[in-house]
Amino acid sequence: QPSRLSSCLAPPPSFLAALSTAISIAVSAGLSTMLLLCFPLALVSLSAPRDEVSFDFGWRFTTGLSTHPAQSDEPPPASADPGLHPAEAQTGYDDSGWAEVQLPHDGLIAAAASSAACRDGCSGKSYIPRHVLWYRKAFTLPAEWAGSLLFLDFEGSFRKTTVWLDGELLAAHDCGYTPFRVRLDNATSLRRRLGSGDSAHTIAVFVDPDNGDEGARSHGSGWWYEGGGLYRSVALLRVPPLHIERDGLFAYSNLSWHASG
């Protein structure tokens, strides 16, 4: 069961009283920007707490595909697509032989350089072959989270990333430099099992780190060594149905200038 690392609990009555006073002042002063901030925060403060849990630990990792294991002195296969229902994404897949890792993790740097696999240098002339990467993590969700919205926030994964939950394809993300969010609570296995008690699940992440030997010229990426895999942290986020979406709240000012001063 994930531990609760951070929660935004409902504020005490004294805070709500101060908030009410601030709103009254804003109304009398015509400060619409303050109201835009206060009203959403007041609504969210009355809702259930939210939880953010580190997802950096307990991962298993391997390179290559079950149908085409990676060989250190061989270049990656021309087509490394795992398909829609790969064996590595299924709940019962045996990953006991995979390495145990924690995030952030570079899935390429541990491999030995190989001039045989990288005759043209590859990976920013590092001679490190860009074999495809797999990550798996088993986790349990508490029954009291039923009815909540659940997300995985990936801060960064290089490069082309695909995510499955219990064998169900959930999302794909192509850019290696931008964070992305994957929603979990609308997955079939989670909706069926979470309400009936604590539920065990498996997340599987496939990462194809290939950026091409020519880098930006052909694959929209750099010509230097960029690493590969889940190179930044991942967090599990639980929020109530009533919540402020990520990047959903902002403030701005309307300023006007007159020649008369």
Protein backbone atom coordinates (compact mmCIF):
# COMPACT_ATOMS: atom_id res chain seq x y z
CA GLN A 1 0.00 0.00 0.00
CA PRO A 2 1.53 3.33 -0.99
CA SER A 3 2.51 5.57 1.87
CA ARG A 4 1.03 9.02 2.04
CA LEU A 5 3.90 11.41 1.43
CA SER A 6 2.02 14.65 1.06
CA SER A 7 -1.56 15.74 1.54
CA CYS A 8 -3.42 19.01 1.14
CA LEU A 9 -5.95 18.76 3.96
CA ALA A 10 -9.00 20.97 4.36
CA PRO A 11 -7.95 24.22 6.08
CA PRO A 12 -9.14 25.21 9.55
CA PRO A 13 -12.13 27.56 10.05
CA SER A 14 -9.79 30.47 10.74
CA PHE A 15 -8.36 30.13 7.23
CA LEU A 16 -11.81 30.03 5.67
CA ALA A 17 -12.81 33.14 7.64
CA ALA A 18 -9.72 34.96 6.38
CA LEU A 19 -10.50 33.81 2.85
CA SER A 20 -14.06 35.15 3.13
CA THR A 21 -12.70 38.50 4.28
CA ALA A 22 -10.24 38.61 1.36
CA ILE A 23 -13.04 37.90 -1.11
CA SER A 24 -15.15 40.69 0.38
CA ILE A 25 -12.26 43.12 0.07
CA ALA A 26 -11.65 42.01 -3.50
CA VAL A 27 -15.29 42.59 -4.43
CA SER A 28 -15.34 46.08 -2.94
CA ALA A 29 -12.05 46.95 -4.62
CA GLY A 30 -12.98 45.46 -7.99
CA LEU A 31 -10.03 43.08 -7.97
CA SER A 32 -11.25 40.44 -10.39
CA THR A 33 -7.83 38.74 -10.56
CA MET A 34 -7.92 38.00 -6.83
CA LEU A 35 -11.39 36.48 -7.21
CA LEU A 36 -10.13 34.24 -9.99
CA LEU A 37 -7.60 32.89 -7.52
CA CYS A 38 -9.78 32.72 -4.42
CA PHE A 39 -12.90 30.97 -5.70
CA PRO A 40 -11.17 27.85 -7.14
CA LEU A 41 -8.96 27.55 -4.07
CA ALA A 42 -11.96 27.84 -1.77
CA LEU A 43 -13.77 25.05 -3.60
CA VAL A 44 -10.78 22.74 -3.61
CA SER A 45 -10.06 23.41 0.07
CA LEU A 46 -13.44 21.90 0.94
CA SER A 47 -12.81 18.72 -1.04
CA ALA A 48 -11.07 15.50 0.00
CA PRO A 49 -7.28 15.48 0.45
CA ARG A 50 -4.96 14.68 -2.43
CA ASP A 51 -1.97 12.36 -2.30
CA GLU A 52 1.31 12.34 -4.20
CA VAL A 53 3.46 9.23 -3.83
CA SER A 54 6.96 8.74 -5.19
CA PHE A 55 7.04 6.04 -7.87
CA ASP A 56 10.83 5.99 -8.17
CA PHE A 57 11.48 2.68 -6.39
CA GLY A 58 10.78 -0.99 -7.01
CA TRP A 59 11.24 -1.02 -10.78
CA ARG A 60 12.59 -3.93 -12.83
CA PHE A 61 14.48 -3.26 -16.03
CA THR A 62 15.80 -5.05 -19.11
CA THR A 63 16.93 -4.28 -22.64
CA GLY A 64 15.60 -5.73 -25.88
CA LEU A 65 12.39 -7.61 -26.61
CA SER A 66 11.37 -11.03 -25.37
CA THR A 67 11.26 -12.03 -29.04
CA HIS A 68 14.61 -10.36 -29.79
CA PRO A 69 16.95 -10.06 -26.75
CA ALA A 70 19.54 -7.30 -26.94
CA GLN A 71 23.08 -8.37 -27.82
CA SER A 72 25.90 -6.03 -26.80
CA ASP A 73 27.82 -6.42 -30.08
CA GLU A 74 24.79 -6.29 -32.37
CA PRO A 75 22.98 -3.16 -33.53
CA PRO A 76 19.35 -2.77 -32.47
CA PRO A 77 16.82 -4.33 -34.86
CA ALA A 78 15.50 -2.13 -37.63
CA SER A 79 11.95 -2.57 -36.31
CA ALA A 80 11.65 -2.67 -32.51
CA ASP A 81 7.89 -2.24 -32.21
CA PRO A 82 6.60 -4.44 -29.36
CA GLY A 83 3.03 -4.42 -30.71
CA LEU A 84 -0.22 -3.64 -28.91
CA HIS A 85 -0.19 -6.62 -26.55
CA PRO A 86 3.43 -7.54 -25.82
CA ALA A 87 4.23 -10.31 -23.38
CA GLU A 88 6.33 -7.93 -21.25
CA ALA A 89 3.24 -5.80 -20.51
CA GLN A 90 1.10 -8.63 -19.15
CA THR A 91 0.51 -9.01 -15.41
CA GLY A 92 1.75 -12.60 -15.20
CA TYR A 93 4.98 -12.04 -17.12
CA ASP A 94 8.05 -13.36 -15.28
CA ASP A 95 10.43 -10.43 -14.78
CA SER A 96 12.39 -12.05 -11.95
CA GLY A 97 15.49 -12.12 -14.14
CA TRP A 98 15.35 -8.38 -14.82
CA ALA A 99 17.61 -5.92 -13.01
CA GLU A 100 16.27 -4.01 -10.01
CA VAL A 101 16.59 -0.25 -10.54
CA GLN A 102 15.35 3.00 -9.13
CA LEU A 103 14.61 6.26 -10.91
CA PRO A 104 16.02 8.45 -12.32
CA HIS A 105 17.65 5.83 -14.53
CA ASP A 106 19.68 5.87 -17.74
CA GLY A 107 19.02 2.57 -19.43
CA LEU A 108 21.89 2.95 -21.93
CA ILE A 109 24.91 4.18 -20.00
CA ALA A 110 25.44 0.85 -18.20
CA ALA A 111 25.90 -0.95 -21.51
CA ALA A 112 29.43 -1.32 -22.82
CA ALA A 113 30.45 0.75 -25.82
CA SER A 114 30.69 -1.33 -28.97
CA SER A 115 32.32 -0.37 -32.25
CA ALA A 116 30.85 -3.55 -33.75
CA ALA A 117 27.28 -2.51 -32.91
CA CYS A 118 27.93 1.17 -33.64
CA ARG A 119 30.14 1.30 -36.70
CA ASP A 120 29.20 4.93 -37.32
CA GLY A 121 29.53 6.02 -33.69
CA CYS A 122 25.80 6.41 -32.82
CA SER A 123 24.46 8.08 -29.67
CA GLY A 124 26.47 11.26 -30.10
CA LYS A 125 29.58 9.27 -31.11
CA SER A 126 29.52 7.47 -27.75
CA TYR A 127 29.45 4.08 -29.50
CA ILE A 128 26.65 2.98 -27.15
CA PRO A 129 23.95 1.06 -29.06
CA ARG A 130 20.41 2.30 -28.50
CA HIS A 131 18.63 -0.94 -27.69
CA VAL A 132 14.98 -0.70 -26.67
CA LEU A 133 14.23 -0.66 -22.95
CA TRP A 134 11.57 -2.18 -20.70
CA TYR A 135 10.52 -1.15 -17.19
CA ARG A 136 7.98 -2.93 -14.96
CA LYS A 137 6.68 -2.12 -11.49
CA ALA A 138 4.17 -3.98 -9.28
CA PHE A 139 2.16 -1.86 -6.85
CA THR A 140 -0.94 -1.95 -4.67
CA LEU A 141 -3.68 0.66 -4.39
CA PRO A 142 -5.72 1.11 -1.17
CA ALA A 143 -9.46 0.43 -1.35
CA GLU A 144 -10.28 3.90 0.00
CA TRP A 145 -8.96 5.40 -3.21
CA ALA A 146 -12.00 4.09 -5.10
CA GLY A 147 -13.84 6.95 -6.79
CA SER A 148 -10.71 9.10 -7.03
CA LEU A 149 -8.81 10.14 -10.14
CA LEU A 150 -5.38 8.53 -10.40
CA PHE A 151 -2.47 9.68 -12.55
CA LEU A 152 1.16 8.83 -13.17
CA ASP A 153 3.28 11.92 -13.75
CA PHE A 154 6.42 11.22 -15.79
CA GLU A 155 8.93 14.06 -15.49
CA GLY A 156 10.96 12.79 -18.44
CA SER A 157 11.53 9.68 -20.54
CA PHE A 158 13.84 9.42 -23.52
CA ARG A 159 12.51 8.90 -26.05
CA LYS A 160 9.44 7.22 -27.56
CA THR A 161 7.50 5.87 -24.56
CA THR A 162 4.49 3.54 -24.33
CA VAL A 163 2.65 2.71 -21.09
CA TRP A 164 0.47 -0.29 -20.19
CA LEU A 165 -1.45 -1.08 -16.99
CA ASP A 166 -2.16 -4.78 -16.40
CA GLY A 167 -1.64 -5.40 -20.11
CA GLU A 168 -3.99 -2.59 -21.23
CA LEU A 169 -2.45 0.05 -23.46
CA LEU A 170 -2.94 3.47 -21.84
CA ALA A 171 -0.73 6.08 -23.49
CA ALA A 172 2.20 6.91 -25.74
CA HIS A 173 4.53 9.92 -25.70
CA ASP A 174 7.11 10.71 -28.37
CA CYS A 175 9.12 13.65 -27.02
CA GLY A 176 12.11 12.93 -24.81
CA TYR A 177 12.27 16.42 -23.29
CA THR A 178 8.73 17.09 -22.02
CA PRO A 179 6.86 15.70 -18.99
CA PHE A 180 3.60 13.85 -19.52
CA ARG A 181 0.70 12.49 -17.48
CA VAL A 182 -1.04 9.11 -17.79
CA ARG A 183 -4.49 8.58 -16.30
CA LEU A 184 -4.98 5.24 -14.52
CA ASP A 185 -8.45 5.23 -12.97
CA ASN A 186 -10.28 4.75 -16.28
CA ALA A 187 -8.33 1.57 -17.07
CA THR A 188 -10.56 -1.52 -17.19
CA SER A 189 -8.69 -3.63 -14.63
CA LEU A 190 -8.45 -0.81 -12.12
CA ARG A 191 -12.14 0.15 -12.36
CA ARG A 192 -13.17 -3.48 -11.83
CA ARG A 193 -10.93 -4.25 -8.87
CA LEU A 194 -10.21 -1.09 -6.87
CA GLY A 195 -13.64 -0.83 -5.25
CA SER A 196 -13.59 -4.41 -3.93
CA GLY A 197 -10.54 -3.96 -1.70
CA ASP A 198 -6.83 -3.28 -1.98
CA SER A 199 -5.84 -4.14 -5.53
CA ALA A 200 -2.50 -5.22 -7.00
CA HIS A 201 -1.45 -3.94 -10.42
CA THR A 202 1.52 -3.90 -12.78
CA ILE A 203 2.68 -0.93 -14.81
CA ALA A 204 4.85 -1.65 -17.85
CA VAL A 205 6.78 1.02 -19.75
CA PHE A 206 8.48 0.48 -23.12
CA VAL A 207 11.05 3.06 -24.18
CA ASP A 208 12.63 3.23 -27.63
CA PRO A 209 15.60 5.61 -27.16
CA ASP A 210 16.58 5.70 -30.83
CA ASN A 211 17.14 9.19 -32.18
CA GLY A 212 18.92 8.13 -35.34
CA ASP A 213 22.61 8.53 -36.05
CA GLU A 214 21.84 11.89 -37.63
CA GLY A 215 19.98 13.17 -34.58
CA ALA A 216 17.80 16.16 -35.35
CA ARG A 217 18.13 15.70 -39.09
CA SER A 218 15.88 12.66 -39.11
CA HIS A 219 14.34 12.07 -35.68
CA GLY A 220 13.77 15.51 -34.18
CA SER A 221 16.41 15.07 -31.48
CA GLY A 222 19.98 16.05 -30.67
CA TRP A 223 23.27 14.83 -32.09
CA TRP A 224 24.88 14.50 -28.64
CA TYR A 225 24.56 11.61 -26.18
CA GLU A 226 21.09 11.95 -24.64
CA GLY A 227 20.83 8.75 -22.65
CA GLY A 228 17.68 6.67 -22.69
CA GLY A 229 14.89 5.42 -20.45
CA LEU A 230 13.13 6.90 -17.42
CA TYR A 231 15.78 9.50 -16.73
CA ARG A 232 13.59 11.56 -14.38
CA SER A 233 11.26 10.85 -11.49
CA VAL A 234 7.74 9.41 -11.70
CA ALA A 235 4.98 10.15 -9.17
CA LEU A 236 1.58 8.58 -8.47
CA LEU A 237 -1.08 11.23 -7.91
CA ARG A 238 -4.53 10.74 -6.37
CA VAL A 239 -7.02 13.61 -6.54
CA PRO A 240 -10.74 13.91 -5.78
CA PRO A 241 -13.18 14.33 -8.68
CA LEU A 242 -13.35 18.04 -7.80
CA HIS A 243 -9.84 19.37 -8.25
CA ILE A 244 -7.76 21.90 -10.14
CA GLU A 245 -6.12 20.36 -13.18
CA ARG A 246 -2.39 20.64 -13.64
CA ASP A 247 -1.60 24.05 -15.17
CA GLY A 248 -5.31 24.84 -14.80
CA LEU A 249 -4.88 27.91 -12.58
CA PHE A 250 -3.10 31.09 -13.53
CA ALA A 251 -3.18 34.81 -12.83
CA TYR A 252 -2.73 37.68 -15.22
CA SER A 253 -2.95 41.47 -15.17
CA ASN A 254 -4.63 43.79 -17.66
CA LEU A 255 -2.48 46.92 -17.89
CA SER A 256 -3.37 49.89 -20.05
CA TRP A 257 -1.28 52.92 -20.90
CA HIS A 258 -2.60 56.36 -21.72
CA ALA A 259 -0.58 59.15 -23.24
CA SER A 260 -2.18 61.58 -20.80
CA GLY A 261 -0.63 59.62 -17.92
